[in-house]
């Protein structure tokens, strides 16, 4: 049912836009993308996937799990492919934790590493969006300003609370509950999360990598926009892309298609950008994210 709802939202938003843009002109602009832009798009997507895989490997190793770079890269790429159509990419996190559990019987630690990876990623998106908002707040719809400030605050609070979960959970739950299996496992997860407080060097390194990934994605969107002839500077992409990335991550569409393009078109309107070009930029950005998971499909099929 949830998948059908996401499919309906995706198709509904896409259909709404396709009725309101000059599709032929939009396709012509996409077909005219320069080779240099296409090469840069492919290169940035590859670097993005490499950095994402490396930060996850670092966090898994920080739990004490022995994981070679080759095995970690294989697990990350294959799980990313398997999670392509899952809500908010959580399918990829589950697949990674499951594979680690099968290899080491330490699934709880793998879940903790995935959770910290996701928190640091969202925090970097929020901080980048906050920086962009500070530069362009005078052009923003007040609703966007409120939404982005709320996102920054909630993300930071959530990340801090997660790393102190081992102290918060026992105080939040009655002691007898912790003797029952589900709560006991949750407590074990909280302990694994809390252990990352002793790994500040790794956490700081992964935080820096997470911020680098989000900057790369902003640059990728700018490169796509430049190739399409969108006259918007790189600094404005610092405002619109964090919003689009969050919408891609939310479990409300298939593969992030639909809502993200809508946000990009809406936020580019104040600058007079053609809706068809903005829609094309957003669509290419989402499709490149999906294409970045295709190497995992090749590895998965070879295994089969």
C-alpha atoms as a PDB file:
ATOM      1  CA  UNK A   1       0.000   0.000   0.000  1.00  0.00           C
ATOM      2  CA  UNK A   2       2.789   2.416   0.918  1.00  0.00           C
ATOM      3  CA  UNK A   3       4.596   1.695  -2.341  1.00  0.00           C
ATOM      4  CA  UNK A   4       1.420   2.315  -4.333  1.00  0.00           C
ATOM      5  CA  UNK A   5       0.951   5.625  -2.530  1.00  0.00           C
ATOM      6  CA  UNK A   6       4.533   6.688  -3.346  1.00  0.00           C
ATOM      7  CA  UNK A   7       3.999   5.650  -6.961  1.00  0.00           C
ATOM      8  CA  UNK A   8       0.795   7.689  -7.112  1.00  0.00           C
ATOM      9  CA  UNK A   9       2.531  10.770  -5.687  1.00  0.00           C
ATOM     10  CA  UNK A  10       5.433  10.398  -8.136  1.00  0.00           C
ATOM     11  CA  UNK A  11       3.217   9.950 -11.190  1.00  0.00           C
ATOM     12  CA  UNK A  12       0.807  12.685 -10.064  1.00  0.00           C
ATOM     13  CA  UNK A  13       3.520  15.317  -9.606  1.00  0.00           C
ATOM     14  CA  UNK A  14       5.265  14.378 -12.850  1.00  0.00           C
ATOM     15  CA  UNK A  15       1.997  14.464 -14.798  1.00  0.00           C
ATOM     16  CA  UNK A  16       1.129  17.879 -13.355  1.00  0.00           C
ATOM     17  CA  UNK A  17       4.436  19.326 -14.518  1.00  0.00           C
ATOM     18  CA  UNK A  18       4.414  17.651 -17.919  1.00  0.00           C
ATOM     19  CA  UNK A  19       1.109  19.363 -18.674  1.00  0.00           C
ATOM     20  CA  UNK A  20       2.569  22.782 -17.827  1.00  0.00           C
ATOM     21  CA  UNK A  21       5.932  22.788 -19.558  1.00  0.00           C
ATOM     22  CA  UNK A  22       7.004  22.778 -23.188  1.00  0.00           C
ATOM     23  CA  UNK A  23       8.172  19.175 -23.267  1.00  0.00           C
ATOM     24  CA  UNK A  24       9.698  19.346 -26.739  1.00  0.00           C
ATOM     25  CA  UNK A  25      11.811  22.390 -25.822  1.00  0.00           C
ATOM     26  CA  UNK A  26      12.845  20.744 -22.569  1.00  0.00           C
ATOM     27  CA  UNK A  27      13.934  17.544 -24.328  1.00  0.00           C
ATOM     28  CA  UNK A  28      15.807  19.597 -26.918  1.00  0.00           C
ATOM     29  CA  UNK A  29      17.746  21.355 -24.151  1.00  0.00           C
ATOM     30  CA  UNK A  30      18.637  17.995 -22.591  1.00  0.00           C
ATOM     31  CA  UNK A  31      19.729  16.584 -25.957  1.00  0.00           C
ATOM     32  CA  UNK A  32      21.972  19.616 -26.490  1.00  0.00           C
ATOM     33  CA  UNK A  33      23.943  19.116 -23.273  1.00  0.00           C
ATOM     34  CA  UNK A  34      27.655  19.619 -24.072  1.00  0.00           C
ATOM     35  CA  UNK A  35      30.009  16.647 -23.820  1.00  0.00           C
ATOM     36  CA  UNK A  36      32.032  18.506 -21.187  1.00  0.00           C
ATOM     37  CA  UNK A  37      28.933  18.818 -18.986  1.00  0.00           C
ATOM     38  CA  UNK A  38      28.067  15.134 -19.437  1.00  0.00           C
ATOM     39  CA  UNK A  39      31.623  14.117 -18.524  1.00  0.00           C
ATOM     40  CA  UNK A  40      31.624  16.339 -15.443  1.00  0.00           C
ATOM     41  CA  UNK A  41      28.242  14.929 -14.375  1.00  0.00           C
ATOM     42  CA  UNK A  42      29.508  11.359 -14.669  1.00  0.00           C
ATOM     43  CA  UNK A  43      32.731  12.158 -12.812  1.00  0.00           C
ATOM     44  CA  UNK A  44      30.997  13.963  -9.950  1.00  0.00           C
ATOM     45  CA  UNK A  45      28.506  11.104  -9.560  1.00  0.00           C
ATOM     46  CA  UNK A  46      31.350   8.562  -9.374  1.00  0.00           C
ATOM     47  CA  UNK A  47      33.233  10.602  -6.761  1.00  0.00           C
ATOM     48  CA  UNK A  48      30.005  11.027  -4.800  1.00  0.00           C
ATOM     49  CA  UNK A  49      29.514   7.253  -4.594  1.00  0.00           C
ATOM     50  CA  UNK A  50      33.136   6.677  -3.642  1.00  0.00           C
ATOM     51  CA  UNK A  51      32.999   9.168  -0.766  1.00  0.00           C
ATOM     52  CA  UNK A  52      29.682   7.782   0.480  1.00  0.00           C
ATOM     53  CA  UNK A  53      31.065   4.233   0.513  1.00  0.00           C
ATOM     54  CA  UNK A  54      34.266   5.296   2.289  1.00  0.00           C
ATOM     55  CA  UNK A  55      32.482   7.163   5.083  1.00  0.00           C
ATOM     56  CA  UNK A  56      30.284   4.103   5.756  1.00  0.00           C
ATOM     57  CA  UNK A  57      33.331   1.821   5.810  1.00  0.00           C
ATOM     58  CA  UNK A  58      35.043   4.115   8.321  1.00  0.00           C
ATOM     59  CA  UNK A  59      32.013   4.043  10.634  1.00  0.00           C
ATOM     60  CA  UNK A  60      31.720   0.247  10.456  1.00  0.00           C
ATOM     61  CA  UNK A  61      35.412  -0.120  11.291  1.00  0.00           C
ATOM     62  CA  UNK A  62      34.968   2.297  14.205  1.00  0.00           C
ATOM     63  CA  UNK A  63      32.686  -0.278  15.867  1.00  0.00           C
ATOM     64  CA  UNK A  64      35.537  -2.795  15.857  1.00  0.00           C
ATOM     65  CA  UNK A  65      34.207  -4.796  12.902  1.00  0.00           C
ATOM     66  CA  UNK A  66      36.994  -5.874  10.542  1.00  0.00           C
ATOM     67  CA  UNK A  67      35.985  -4.909   7.013  1.00  0.00           C
ATOM     68  CA  UNK A  68      38.311  -4.690   4.030  1.00  0.00           C
ATOM     69  CA  UNK A  69      37.934  -1.825   1.595  1.00  0.00           C
ATOM     70  CA  UNK A  70      37.056  -4.231  -1.212  1.00  0.00           C
ATOM     71  CA  UNK A  71      34.348  -6.000   0.788  1.00  0.00           C
ATOM     72  CA  UNK A  72      33.005  -2.728   2.134  1.00  0.00           C
ATOM     73  CA  UNK A  73      32.781  -1.224  -1.344  1.00  0.00           C
ATOM     74  CA  UNK A  74      30.996  -4.328  -2.643  1.00  0.00           C
ATOM     75  CA  UNK A  75      28.485  -4.308   0.220  1.00  0.00           C
ATOM     76  CA  UNK A  76      27.809  -0.584  -0.138  1.00  0.00           C
ATOM     77  CA  UNK A  77      27.301  -0.606  -3.911  1.00  0.00           C
ATOM     78  CA  UNK A  78      25.089  -3.707  -3.957  1.00  0.00           C
ATOM     79  CA  UNK A  79      22.981  -2.543  -1.000  1.00  0.00           C
ATOM     80  CA  UNK A  80      22.574   0.908  -2.595  1.00  0.00           C
ATOM     81  CA  UNK A  81      21.210  -0.760  -5.718  1.00  0.00           C
ATOM     82  CA  UNK A  82      18.832  -2.964  -3.699  1.00  0.00           C
ATOM     83  CA  UNK A  83      17.599   0.079  -1.798  1.00  0.00           C
ATOM     84  CA  UNK A  84      16.987   2.251  -4.863  1.00  0.00           C
ATOM     85  CA  UNK A  85      13.188   1.971  -4.747  1.00  0.00           C
ATOM     86  CA  UNK A  86      12.898   1.529  -0.974  1.00  0.00           C
ATOM     87  CA  UNK A  87      11.507   4.363   1.189  1.00  0.00           C
ATOM     88  CA  UNK A  88      14.099   7.040   1.975  1.00  0.00           C
ATOM     89  CA  UNK A  89      16.931   4.713   0.974  1.00  0.00           C
ATOM     90  CA  UNK A  90      16.314   2.747   4.180  1.00  0.00           C
ATOM     91  CA  UNK A  91      16.337  -0.445   2.133  1.00  0.00           C
ATOM     92  CA  UNK A  92      20.011   0.177   1.453  1.00  0.00           C
ATOM     93  CA  UNK A  93      20.736   0.636   5.170  1.00  0.00           C
ATOM     94  CA  UNK A  94      18.875  -2.584   5.990  1.00  0.00           C
ATOM     95  CA  UNK A  95      20.705  -4.524   3.268  1.00  0.00           C
ATOM     96  CA  UNK A  96      24.088  -3.301   4.553  1.00  0.00           C
ATOM     97  CA  UNK A  97      23.259  -4.206   8.160  1.00  0.00           C
ATOM     98  CA  UNK A  98      21.972  -7.621   7.077  1.00  0.00           C
ATOM     99  CA  UNK A  99      25.142  -8.395   5.104  1.00  0.00           C
ATOM    100  CA  UNK A 100      27.367  -7.372   8.020  1.00  0.00           C
ATOM    101  CA  UNK A 101      25.255  -9.505  10.353  1.00  0.00           C
ATOM    102  CA  UNK A 102      25.653 -12.504   8.052  1.00  0.00           C
ATOM    103  CA  UNK A 103      29.422 -12.044   8.009  1.00  0.00           C
ATOM    104  CA  UNK A 104      30.117 -11.066  11.607  1.00  0.00           C
ATOM    105  CA  UNK A 105      26.935 -11.639  13.681  1.00  0.00           C
ATOM    106  CA  UNK A 106      27.185  -7.979  14.760  1.00  0.00           C
ATOM    107  CA  UNK A 107      24.077  -6.607  13.143  1.00  0.00           C
ATOM    108  CA  UNK A 108      23.365  -4.143  15.970  1.00  0.00           C
ATOM    109  CA  UNK A 109      26.737  -2.432  15.488  1.00  0.00           C
ATOM    110  CA  UNK A 110      26.127  -2.278  11.734  1.00  0.00           C
ATOM    111  CA  UNK A 111      22.734  -0.644  12.319  1.00  0.00           C
ATOM    112  CA  UNK A 112      24.392   1.901  14.629  1.00  0.00           C
ATOM    113  CA  UNK A 113      27.024   2.709  11.983  1.00  0.00           C
ATOM    114  CA  UNK A 114      24.270   3.189   9.398  1.00  0.00           C
ATOM    115  CA  UNK A 115      22.306   5.445  11.728  1.00  0.00           C
ATOM    116  CA  UNK A 116      25.317   7.663  12.466  1.00  0.00           C
ATOM    117  CA  UNK A 117      26.109   7.791   8.741  1.00  0.00           C
ATOM    118  CA  UNK A 118      22.573   8.955   7.985  1.00  0.00           C
ATOM    119  CA  UNK A 119      22.525  11.526  10.818  1.00  0.00           C
ATOM    120  CA  UNK A 120      25.813  13.042   9.705  1.00  0.00           C
ATOM    121  CA  UNK A 121      24.548  13.174   6.131  1.00  0.00           C
ATOM    122  CA  UNK A 122      21.339  14.949   7.124  1.00  0.00           C
ATOM    123  CA  UNK A 123      23.255  17.314   9.410  1.00  0.00           C
ATOM    124  CA  UNK A 124      25.561  18.313   6.560  1.00  0.00           C
ATOM    125  CA  UNK A 125      22.545  18.920   4.305  1.00  0.00           C
ATOM    126  CA  UNK A 126      20.921  21.064   6.988  1.00  0.00           C
ATOM    127  CA  UNK A 127      24.066  23.101   7.645  1.00  0.00           C
ATOM    128  CA  UNK A 128      24.657  23.666   3.944  1.00  0.00           C
ATOM    129  CA  UNK A 129      21.049  24.757   3.517  1.00  0.00           C
ATOM    130  CA  UNK A 130      21.355  27.081   6.498  1.00  0.00           C
ATOM    131  CA  UNK A 131      24.400  28.722   4.964  1.00  0.00           C
ATOM    132  CA  UNK A 132      22.648  29.173   1.637  1.00  0.00           C
ATOM    133  CA  UNK A 133      19.558  30.531   3.371  1.00  0.00           C
ATOM    134  CA  UNK A 134      21.620  33.143   5.200  1.00  0.00           C
ATOM    135  CA  UNK A 135      22.899  34.422   1.851  1.00  0.00           C
ATOM    136  CA  UNK A 136      19.551  34.435   0.042  1.00  0.00           C
ATOM    137  CA  UNK A 137      16.938  34.890   2.757  1.00  0.00           C
ATOM    138  CA  UNK A 138      15.695  38.130   1.164  1.00  0.00           C
ATOM    139  CA  UNK A 139      14.479  36.228  -1.914  1.00  0.00           C
ATOM    140  CA  UNK A 140      12.886  33.339  -0.028  1.00  0.00           C
ATOM    141  CA  UNK A 141       9.248  32.581   0.519  1.00  0.00           C
ATOM    142  CA  UNK A 142       8.787  32.813   4.333  1.00  0.00           C
ATOM    143  CA  UNK A 143       7.499  29.226   4.319  1.00  0.00           C
ATOM    144  CA  UNK A 144      10.816  28.026   2.900  1.00  0.00           C
ATOM    145  CA  UNK A 145      12.711  29.964   5.567  1.00  0.00           C
ATOM    146  CA  UNK A 146      10.639  28.424   8.369  1.00  0.00           C
ATOM    147  CA  UNK A 147      10.976  24.932   6.893  1.00  0.00           C
ATOM    148  CA  UNK A 148      14.747  25.167   6.525  1.00  0.00           C
ATOM    149  CA  UNK A 149      15.327  26.614   9.997  1.00  0.00           C
ATOM    150  CA  UNK A 150      13.129  23.857  11.448  1.00  0.00           C
ATOM    151  CA  UNK A 151      15.085  21.238   9.497  1.00  0.00           C
ATOM    152  CA  UNK A 152      18.432  22.540  10.786  1.00  0.00           C
ATOM    153  CA  UNK A 153      17.275  22.598  14.415  1.00  0.00           C
ATOM    154  CA  UNK A 154      15.578  19.166  14.354  1.00  0.00           C
ATOM    155  CA  UNK A 155      18.512  17.544  12.588  1.00  0.00           C
ATOM    156  CA  UNK A 156      21.069  18.888  15.037  1.00  0.00           C
ATOM    157  CA  UNK A 157      18.924  17.923  18.045  1.00  0.00           C
ATOM    158  CA  UNK A 158      18.340  14.444  16.612  1.00  0.00           C
ATOM    159  CA  UNK A 159      22.028  13.866  15.895  1.00  0.00           C
ATOM    160  CA  UNK A 160      23.082  14.931  19.402  1.00  0.00           C
ATOM    161  CA  UNK A 161      20.324  12.868  21.034  1.00  0.00           C
ATOM    162  CA  UNK A 162      21.335   9.820  19.004  1.00  0.00           C
ATOM    163  CA  UNK A 163      24.937   9.902  20.174  1.00  0.00           C
ATOM    164  CA  UNK A 164      23.727  10.138  23.789  1.00  0.00           C
ATOM    165  CA  UNK A 165      21.033   7.484  23.344  1.00  0.00           C
ATOM    166  CA  UNK A 166      22.762   5.137  25.803  1.00  0.00           C
ATOM    167  CA  UNK A 167      22.216   7.708  28.542  1.00  0.00           C
ATOM    168  CA  UNK A 168      18.784   8.915  27.455  1.00  0.00           C
ATOM    169  CA  UNK A 169      17.062   5.568  26.864  1.00  0.00           C
ATOM    170  CA  UNK A 170      17.474   4.030  30.353  1.00  0.00           C
ATOM    171  CA  UNK A 171      16.050   7.211  31.871  1.00  0.00           C
ATOM    172  CA  UNK A 172      13.160   7.320  29.414  1.00  0.00           C
ATOM    173  CA  UNK A 173      12.043   3.696  29.862  1.00  0.00           C
ATOM    174  CA  UNK A 174      10.992   1.837  33.028  1.00  0.00           C
ATOM    175  CA  UNK A 175      13.795  -0.514  34.119  1.00  0.00           C
ATOM    176  CA  UNK A 176      11.668  -3.713  33.798  1.00  0.00           C
ATOM    177  CA  UNK A 177      11.100  -3.002  30.104  1.00  0.00           C
ATOM    178  CA  UNK A 178      14.812  -3.415  29.383  1.00  0.00           C
ATOM    179  CA  UNK A 179      14.562  -7.104  30.314  1.00  0.00           C
ATOM    180  CA  UNK A 180      12.239  -7.827  27.369  1.00  0.00           C
ATOM    181  CA  UNK A 181      13.752  -8.733  24.011  1.00  0.00           C
ATOM    182  CA  UNK A 182      12.639  -5.771  21.816  1.00  0.00           C
ATOM    183  CA  UNK A 183      13.614  -3.145  24.404  1.00  0.00           C
ATOM    184  CA  UNK A 184      16.805  -5.015  25.263  1.00  0.00           C
ATOM    185  CA  UNK A 185      17.842  -4.914  21.608  1.00  0.00           C
ATOM    186  CA  UNK A 186      16.980  -1.227  21.457  1.00  0.00           C
ATOM    187  CA  UNK A 187      19.162  -0.699  24.520  1.00  0.00           C
ATOM    188  CA  UNK A 188      22.003  -2.575  22.820  1.00  0.00           C
ATOM    189  CA  UNK A 189      21.612  -0.300  19.812  1.00  0.00           C
ATOM    190  CA  UNK A 190      21.720   2.731  22.114  1.00  0.00           C
ATOM    191  CA  UNK A 191      24.950   1.425  23.650  1.00  0.00           C
ATOM    192  CA  UNK A 192      26.456   0.978  20.176  1.00  0.00           C
ATOM    193  CA  UNK A 193      25.455   4.531  19.262  1.00  0.00           C
ATOM    194  CA  UNK A 194      26.880   5.909  22.484  1.00  0.00           C
ATOM    195  CA  UNK A 195      30.202   4.198  21.797  1.00  0.00           C
ATOM    196  CA  UNK A 196      30.727   6.609  18.903  1.00  0.00           C
ATOM    197  CA  UNK A 197      31.295   9.380  21.466  1.00  0.00           C
ATOM    198  CA  UNK A 198      34.682   7.749  22.044  1.00  0.00           C
ATOM    199  CA  UNK A 199      35.407   7.877  18.317  1.00  0.00           C
ATOM    200  CA  UNK A 200      35.436  11.631  17.775  1.00  0.00           C
ATOM    201  CA  UNK A 201      38.284  11.491  15.271  1.00  0.00           C
ATOM    202  CA  UNK A 202      36.368   9.102  13.022  1.00  0.00           C
ATOM    203  CA  UNK A 203      33.081  10.947  13.535  1.00  0.00           C
ATOM    204  CA  UNK A 204      34.749  14.253  12.646  1.00  0.00           C
ATOM    205  CA  UNK A 205      36.355  12.723   9.556  1.00  0.00           C
ATOM    206  CA  UNK A 206      33.057  11.241   8.412  1.00  0.00           C
ATOM    207  CA  UNK A 207      31.287  14.550   9.093  1.00  0.00           C
ATOM    208  CA  UNK A 208      33.810  16.289   6.832  1.00  0.00           C
ATOM    209  CA  UNK A 209      33.275  13.632   4.142  1.00  0.00           C
ATOM    210  CA  UNK A 210      29.506  14.060   4.484  1.00  0.00           C
ATOM    211  CA  UNK A 211      29.799  17.800   3.966  1.00  0.00           C
ATOM    212  CA  UNK A 212      32.067  17.191   0.963  1.00  0.00           C
ATOM    213  CA  UNK A 213      29.425  14.873  -0.545  1.00  0.00           C
ATOM    214  CA  UNK A 214      26.710  17.515  -0.195  1.00  0.00           C
ATOM    215  CA  UNK A 215      28.946  20.205  -1.705  1.00  0.00           C
ATOM    216  CA  UNK A 216      29.644  17.843  -4.614  1.00  0.00           C
ATOM    217  CA  UNK A 217      25.905  17.414  -5.124  1.00  0.00           C
ATOM    218  CA  UNK A 218      25.374  21.165  -5.179  1.00  0.00           C
ATOM    219  CA  UNK A 219      28.164  21.472  -7.739  1.00  0.00           C
ATOM    220  CA  UNK A 220      26.600  18.626  -9.745  1.00  0.00           C
ATOM    221  CA  UNK A 221      23.258  20.448  -9.862  1.00  0.00           C
ATOM    222  CA  UNK A 222      25.053  23.637 -10.930  1.00  0.00           C
ATOM    223  CA  UNK A 223      26.908  21.770 -13.693  1.00  0.00           C
ATOM    224  CA  UNK A 224      23.613  20.346 -14.960  1.00  0.00           C
ATOM    225  CA  UNK A 225      22.039  23.794 -14.835  1.00  0.00           C
ATOM    226  CA  UNK A 226      24.952  25.387 -16.696  1.00  0.00           C
ATOM    227  CA  UNK A 227      24.749  22.709 -19.358  1.00  0.00           C
ATOM    228  CA  UNK A 228      21.038  23.426 -19.816  1.00  0.00           C
ATOM    229  CA  UNK A 229      21.652  27.165 -19.985  1.00  0.00           C
ATOM    230  CA  UNK A 230      20.091  28.074 -16.625  1.00  0.00           C
ATOM    231  CA  UNK A 231      21.474  31.509 -15.628  1.00  0.00           C
ATOM    232  CA  UNK A 232      21.757  30.876 -11.877  1.00  0.00           C
ATOM    233  CA  UNK A 233      24.957  31.184  -9.846  1.00  0.00           C
ATOM    234  CA  UNK A 234      26.427  28.401  -7.738  1.00  0.00           C
ATOM    235  CA  UNK A 235      25.568  30.165  -4.479  1.00  0.00           C
ATOM    236  CA  UNK A 236      21.808  29.957  -5.113  1.00  0.00           C
ATOM    237  CA  UNK A 237      22.076  26.180  -5.527  1.00  0.00           C
ATOM    238  CA  UNK A 238      23.159  26.131  -1.879  1.00  0.00           C
ATOM    239  CA  UNK A 239      19.569  27.124  -1.079  1.00  0.00           C
ATOM    240  CA  UNK A 240      17.537  24.954  -3.414  1.00  0.00           C
ATOM    241  CA  UNK A 241      19.508  21.701  -3.446  1.00  0.00           C
ATOM    242  CA  UNK A 242      19.428  20.946   0.311  1.00  0.00           C
ATOM    243  CA  UNK A 243      15.627  21.172   0.097  1.00  0.00           C
ATOM    244  CA  UNK A 244      15.568  18.932  -2.976  1.00  0.00           C
ATOM    245  CA  UNK A 245      17.925  16.396  -1.367  1.00  0.00           C
ATOM    246  CA  UNK A 246      15.745  16.146   1.734  1.00  0.00           C
ATOM    247  CA  UNK A 247      12.689  15.570  -0.464  1.00  0.00           C
ATOM    248  CA  UNK A 248      14.566  12.819  -2.292  1.00  0.00           C
ATOM    249  CA  UNK A 249      15.331  11.156   1.045  1.00  0.00           C
ATOM    250  CA  UNK A 250      11.788  11.378   2.404  1.00  0.00           C
ATOM    251  CA  UNK A 251       9.652   8.225   1.882  1.00  0.00           C
ATOM    252  CA  UNK A 252       7.062  10.001  -0.269  1.00  0.00           C
ATOM    253  CA  UNK A 253       8.055   9.088  -3.818  1.00  0.00           C
ATOM    254  CA  UNK A 254       9.735   6.464  -5.978  1.00  0.00           C
ATOM    255  CA  UNK A 255      13.457   7.106  -6.253  1.00  0.00           C
ATOM    256  CA  UNK A 256      12.955  10.749  -5.261  1.00  0.00           C
ATOM    257  CA  UNK A 257      11.145  11.590  -8.502  1.00  0.00           C
ATOM    258  CA  UNK A 258       8.385  14.201  -8.344  1.00  0.00           C
ATOM    259  CA  UNK A 259       8.582  16.300  -5.173  1.00  0.00           C
ATOM    260  CA  UNK A 260      12.254  17.211  -5.672  1.00  0.00           C
ATOM    261  CA  UNK A 261      11.624  18.573  -9.173  1.00  0.00           C
ATOM    262  CA  UNK A 262       8.631  20.474  -7.842  1.00  0.00           C
ATOM    263  CA  UNK A 263      10.737  22.165  -5.157  1.00  0.00           C
ATOM    264  CA  UNK A 264      13.435  23.099  -7.658  1.00  0.00           C
ATOM    265  CA  UNK A 265      10.946  24.629 -10.098  1.00  0.00           C
ATOM    266  CA  UNK A 266       9.199  26.516  -7.287  1.00  0.00           C
ATOM    267  CA  UNK A 267      12.421  27.902  -5.813  1.00  0.00           C
ATOM    268  CA  UNK A 268      13.819  28.958  -9.180  1.00  0.00           C
ATOM    269  CA  UNK A 269      10.708  30.917 -10.111  1.00  0.00           C
ATOM    270  CA  UNK A 270      11.796  34.102  -8.234  1.00  0.00           C
ATOM    271  CA  UNK A 271      14.840  34.258 -10.519  1.00  0.00           C
ATOM    272  CA  UNK A 272      12.749  33.910 -13.667  1.00  0.00           C
ATOM    273  CA  UNK A 273      14.086  30.487 -14.660  1.00  0.00           C
ATOM    274  CA  UNK A 274      12.007  28.665 -17.263  1.00  0.00           C
ATOM    275  CA  UNK A 275       9.967  25.919 -15.566  1.00  0.00           C
ATOM    276  CA  UNK A 276      10.874  23.391 -18.243  1.00  0.00           C
ATOM    277  CA  UNK A 277      14.596  23.914 -17.748  1.00  0.00           C
ATOM    278  CA  UNK A 278      14.295  23.801 -13.954  1.00  0.00           C
ATOM    279  CA  UNK A 279      12.256  20.601 -14.251  1.00  0.00           C
ATOM    280  CA  UNK A 280      14.871  19.080 -16.564  1.00  0.00           C
ATOM    281  CA  UNK A 281      17.667  19.968 -14.151  1.00  0.00           C
ATOM    282  CA  UNK A 282      15.862  18.376 -11.215  1.00  0.00           C
ATOM    283  CA  UNK A 283      15.017  15.258 -13.208  1.00  0.00           C
ATOM    284  CA  UNK A 284      18.586  14.778 -14.412  1.00  0.00           C
ATOM    285  CA  UNK A 285      19.864  15.243 -10.853  1.00  0.00           C
ATOM    286  CA  UNK A 286      17.566  12.501  -9.538  1.00  0.00           C
ATOM    287  CA  UNK A 287      18.290  10.159 -12.456  1.00  0.00           C
ATOM    288  CA  UNK A 288      22.050  10.565 -11.955  1.00  0.00           C
ATOM    289  CA  UNK A 289      21.559   9.479  -8.350  1.00  0.00           C
ATOM    290  CA  UNK A 290      19.781   6.358  -9.574  1.00  0.00           C
ATOM    291  CA  UNK A 291      22.439   5.769 -12.247  1.00  0.00           C
ATOM    292  CA  UNK A 292      25.113   5.961  -9.556  1.00  0.00           C
ATOM    293  CA  UNK A 293      23.622   2.790  -8.044  1.00  0.00           C
ATOM    294  CA  UNK A 294      23.844   0.775 -11.283  1.00  0.00           C
ATOM    295  CA  UNK A 295      27.388  -0.543 -10.587  1.00  0.00           C
ATOM    296  CA  UNK A 296      25.802  -2.308  -7.626  1.00  0.00           C
ATOM    297  CA  UNK A 297      23.352  -3.971 -10.003  1.00  0.00           C
ATOM    298  CA  UNK A 298      26.252  -5.325 -12.061  1.00  0.00           C
ATOM    299  CA  UNK A 299      27.978  -6.714  -8.942  1.00  0.00           C
ATOM    300  CA  UNK A 300      24.731  -8.239  -7.703  1.00  0.00           C
ATOM    301  CA  UNK A 301      24.028  -9.936 -11.034  1.00  0.00           C
ATOM    302  CA  UNK A 302      27.578 -11.287 -11.202  1.00  0.00           C
ATOM    303  CA  UNK A 303      27.108 -12.815  -7.763  1.00  0.00           C
ATOM    304  CA  UNK A 304      23.854 -14.416  -8.878  1.00  0.00           C
END
